[in-house]
């Protein structure tokens, strides 16, 4: 998701600089791109660098990659919230977050509860503009191939033609484009954009 967003930001005339914080180098080069490799655990080292007009947050992992719920929570909640807080402290006015369909801090499901807790936490930071996207299952090229994903996507697309349309997979290229459009919209305050939208 993040890779696609960066490609579109680099190609967009309204954005003249893109600063990307990564765990490992992407190999991308572009005159508008400043890629900063950081240790997400070393908060103080990167806090002053979180500056600009808008923070886009697409960070996330899977339980399979993280191995434990604690590790997944660290990536999907703690790192994300720390970046949001750093942006707010550094007076970045706008924040665009990729959350998840079904995000709810009271959910019995760990993943959607974690996403709901993050949404609540960043809402408390009082950004001038906060846009939360709640996509369904993401469909797009990934840096790491996930076994069985193509089969699940095909099944999901078939089923959602007839019912449960809110669960239709969300194409990452369309999501990235919508994120950029929303970031340039002059509306202020908190807006939640669902998978159907």
Foldseek 3Di string as FASTA:
>chain_A
DVVLLVVVLLVDPVQQADEAEDCDDPPDDDPRYHYHHDDLVPLVVCLVVLEDQEAEDDWADDCVVQVDLVSRLCGLAVSVLSSLLSHLVRPRQYYEYEAAPQQDCPDPDSRSVSSVVRVVSSLVSDRFAYEYEHAAAEDDDDPDDDPPPVVVLVVLCVVCVPDPVLNNHDYPNVVSVVSVVVSPDPDTDYYYHGNVD
